[in-house]
Amino acid sequence: MKQKFRIPDSFQLHGITFAVRYDSNLCRDTDHTGEARYRTAEIVLNAPNTNWPPQNLLDQTFCHELVHMILNEMQSKLHSDESHVDLFASLLHQFLITAEYGEDTK
């Protein structure tokens, strides 16, 4: 049974709780659909209004910002390499939306 990917409200890395929040002005103010904010331990996503951004773009953006956070927590210099982050996030997103689980999997 295929499970739908859901963006969480929060998650933990290294015992630190990271919040996920939405900002309807983000895209207008920065031209970004998401931001990883290391100092405040949060991922900010553009709040969907009407049909933009579409859910699949928000899901992909969340994965992109999550990869930034993970690499930053790993103290990897790759956390600022947008090509690397985007490729990693794209593969992660594809895994999450296509993973299939057996019926006995909870």
C-alpha atoms as a PDB file:
ATOM      1  CA  MET A   1       0.000   0.000   0.000  1.00  0.00           C
ATOM      2  CA  LYS A   2       1.433   3.345  -1.071  1.00  0.00           C
ATOM      3  CA  GLN A   3       1.556   6.005   1.626  1.00  0.00           C
ATOM      4  CA  LYS A   4       1.292   9.697   0.849  1.00  0.00           C
ATOM      5  CA  PHE A   5       4.280  11.802   1.847  1.00  0.00           C
ATOM      6  CA  ARG A   6       3.435  14.391   4.480  1.00  0.00           C
ATOM      7  CA  ILE A   7       5.482  17.396   5.534  1.00  0.00           C
ATOM      8  CA  PRO A   8       5.914  17.217   9.314  1.00  0.00           C
ATOM      9  CA  ASP A   9       5.221  20.020  11.788  1.00  0.00           C
ATOM     10  CA  SER A  10       8.552  19.320  13.474  1.00  0.00           C
ATOM     11  CA  PHE A  11      11.383  16.784  13.565  1.00  0.00           C
ATOM     12  CA  GLN A  12      14.600  16.183  15.482  1.00  0.00           C
ATOM     13  CA  LEU A  13      18.243  16.027  14.450  1.00  0.00           C
ATOM     14  CA  HIS A  14      20.901  15.424  17.124  1.00  0.00           C
ATOM     15  CA  GLY A  15      18.202  15.874  19.770  1.00  0.00           C
ATOM     16  CA  ILE A  16      17.376  19.380  18.547  1.00  0.00           C
ATOM     17  CA  THR A  17      13.751  19.976  17.589  1.00  0.00           C
ATOM     18  CA  PHE A  18      13.342  21.756  14.288  1.00  0.00           C
ATOM     19  CA  ALA A  19      10.043  23.455  13.493  1.00  0.00           C
ATOM     20  CA  VAL A  20       8.428  23.597  10.087  1.00  0.00           C
ATOM     21  CA  ARG A  21       6.316  26.648   9.461  1.00  0.00           C
ATOM     22  CA  TYR A  22       4.663  28.438   6.580  1.00  0.00           C
ATOM     23  CA  ASP A  23       5.006  32.073   5.562  1.00  0.00           C
ATOM     24  CA  SER A  24       2.688  33.517   2.922  1.00  0.00           C
ATOM     25  CA  ASN A  25       5.187  36.324   2.195  1.00  0.00           C
ATOM     26  CA  LEU A  26       8.285  34.173   1.727  1.00  0.00           C
ATOM     27  CA  CYS A  27       8.143  33.856  -2.056  1.00  0.00           C
ATOM     28  CA  ARG A  28       7.138  37.479  -2.497  1.00  0.00           C
ATOM     29  CA  ASP A  29       9.890  38.767  -0.188  1.00  0.00           C
ATOM     30  CA  THR A  30      12.753  36.444  -1.180  1.00  0.00           C
ATOM     31  CA  ASP A  31      11.683  34.654  -4.387  1.00  0.00           C
ATOM     32  CA  HIS A  32      12.301  31.355  -2.550  1.00  0.00           C
ATOM     33  CA  THR A  33       9.782  28.589  -1.902  1.00  0.00           C
ATOM     34  CA  GLY A  34      11.654  27.560   1.238  1.00  0.00           C
ATOM     35  CA  GLU A  35      14.490  28.414   3.599  1.00  0.00           C
ATOM     36  CA  ALA A  36      16.589  26.459   6.077  1.00  0.00           C
ATOM     37  CA  ARG A  37      17.120  28.758   9.042  1.00  0.00           C
ATOM     38  CA  TYR A  38      19.980  27.276  11.013  1.00  0.00           C
ATOM     39  CA  ARG A  39      20.040  29.839  13.848  1.00  0.00           C
ATOM     40  CA  THR A  40      16.358  29.408  14.677  1.00  0.00           C
ATOM     41  CA  ALA A  41      16.241  25.664  13.900  1.00  0.00           C
ATOM     42  CA  GLU A  42      13.373  25.928  11.469  1.00  0.00           C
ATOM     43  CA  ILE A  43      12.396  25.246   7.923  1.00  0.00           C
ATOM     44  CA  VAL A  44      10.135  27.932   6.487  1.00  0.00           C
ATOM     45  CA  LEU A  45       8.049  27.097   3.436  1.00  0.00           C
ATOM     46  CA  ASN A  46       5.988  29.388   1.279  1.00  0.00           C
ATOM     47  CA  ALA A  47       2.379  29.022   2.368  1.00  0.00           C
ATOM     48  CA  PRO A  48       0.254  27.646  -0.440  1.00  0.00           C
ATOM     49  CA  ASN A  49      -2.278  30.134  -1.752  1.00  0.00           C
ATOM     50  CA  THR A  50      -4.712  29.292  -4.510  1.00  0.00           C
ATOM     51  CA  ASN A  51      -2.813  26.682  -6.533  1.00  0.00           C
ATOM     52  CA  TRP A  52       0.730  27.930  -6.063  1.00  0.00           C
ATOM     53  CA  PRO A  53       3.011  26.469  -5.038  1.00  0.00           C
ATOM     54  CA  PRO A  54       1.616  23.035  -5.897  1.00  0.00           C
ATOM     55  CA  GLN A  55       1.919  20.396  -3.172  1.00  0.00           C
ATOM     56  CA  ASN A  56       4.566  18.395  -5.041  1.00  0.00           C
ATOM     57  CA  LEU A  57       6.781  21.512  -5.206  1.00  0.00           C
ATOM     58  CA  LEU A  58       6.302  22.142  -1.480  1.00  0.00           C
ATOM     59  CA  ASP A  59       7.162  18.503  -0.744  1.00  0.00           C
ATOM     60  CA  GLN A  60      10.302  18.755  -2.889  1.00  0.00           C
ATOM     61  CA  THR A  61      11.225  22.071  -1.280  1.00  0.00           C
ATOM     62  CA  PHE A  62      10.840  20.561   2.190  1.00  0.00           C
ATOM     63  CA  CYS A  63      13.222  17.739   1.213  1.00  0.00           C
ATOM     64  CA  HIS A  64      15.688  20.300  -0.174  1.00  0.00           C
ATOM     65  CA  GLU A  65      15.672  22.336   3.040  1.00  0.00           C
ATOM     66  CA  LEU A  66      15.865  19.141   5.143  1.00  0.00           C
ATOM     67  CA  VAL A  67      19.019  18.104   3.284  1.00  0.00           C
ATOM     68  CA  HIS A  68      20.508  21.551   4.036  1.00  0.00           C
ATOM     69  CA  MET A  69      19.743  20.980   7.736  1.00  0.00           C
ATOM     70  CA  ILE A  70      21.123  17.429   7.802  1.00  0.00           C
ATOM     71  CA  LEU A  71      24.360  18.420   6.057  1.00  0.00           C
ATOM     72  CA  ASN A  72      24.722  21.425   8.348  1.00  0.00           C
ATOM     73  CA  GLU A  73      24.289  19.180  11.413  1.00  0.00           C
ATOM     74  CA  MET A  74      26.940  16.876   9.934  1.00  0.00           C
ATOM     75  CA  GLN A  75      29.205  19.943   9.706  1.00  0.00           C
ATOM     76  CA  SER A  76      29.607  19.229   6.013  1.00  0.00           C
ATOM     77  CA  LYS A  77      30.719  22.007   3.707  1.00  0.00           C
ATOM     78  CA  LEU A  78      28.281  20.530   1.199  1.00  0.00           C
ATOM     79  CA  HIS A  79      25.388  22.150   3.089  1.00  0.00           C
ATOM     80  CA  SER A  80      25.902  25.268   0.952  1.00  0.00           C
ATOM     81  CA  ASP A  81      26.444  23.438  -2.354  1.00  0.00           C
ATOM     82  CA  GLU A  82      23.056  23.977  -4.024  1.00  0.00           C
ATOM     83  CA  SER A  83      23.700  21.478  -6.836  1.00  0.00           C
ATOM     84  CA  HIS A  84      24.593  18.728  -4.376  1.00  0.00           C
ATOM     85  CA  VAL A  85      21.691  19.568  -2.052  1.00  0.00           C
ATOM     86  CA  ASP A  86      19.199  19.684  -4.921  1.00  0.00           C
ATOM     87  CA  LEU A  87      20.304  16.337  -6.361  1.00  0.00           C
ATOM     88  CA  PHE A  88      20.266  14.650  -2.936  1.00  0.00           C
ATOM     89  CA  ALA A  89      16.848  16.156  -2.133  1.00  0.00           C
ATOM     90  CA  SER A  90      15.410  15.094  -5.482  1.00  0.00           C
ATOM     91  CA  LEU A  91      16.479  11.483  -4.896  1.00  0.00           C
ATOM     92  CA  LEU A  92      15.181  11.564  -1.308  1.00  0.00           C
ATOM     93  CA  HIS A  93      11.847  12.980  -2.450  1.00  0.00           C
ATOM     94  CA  GLN A  94      11.507  10.342  -5.167  1.00  0.00           C
ATOM     95  CA  PHE A  95      12.191   7.605  -2.616  1.00  0.00           C
ATOM     96  CA  LEU A  96       9.614   9.003  -0.188  1.00  0.00           C
ATOM     97  CA  ILE A  97       6.817   9.302  -2.750  1.00  0.00           C
ATOM     98  CA  THR A  98       7.438   5.978  -4.494  1.00  0.00           C
ATOM     99  CA  ALA A  99       8.255   3.677  -1.564  1.00  0.00           C
ATOM    100  CA  GLU A 100       5.872   0.774  -1.348  1.00  0.00           C
ATOM    101  CA  TYR A 101       5.242  -1.163   1.839  1.00  0.00           C
ATOM    102  CA  GLY A 102       3.779  -4.594   2.429  1.00  0.00           C
ATOM    103  CA  GLU A 103       0.457  -4.950   4.171  1.00  0.00           C
ATOM    104  CA  ASP A 104       2.091  -6.069   7.404  1.00  0.00           C
ATOM    105  CA  THR A 105       4.245  -2.917   7.569  1.00  0.00           C
ATOM    106  CA  LYS A 106       2.983  -0.417  10.115  1.00  0.00           C
END
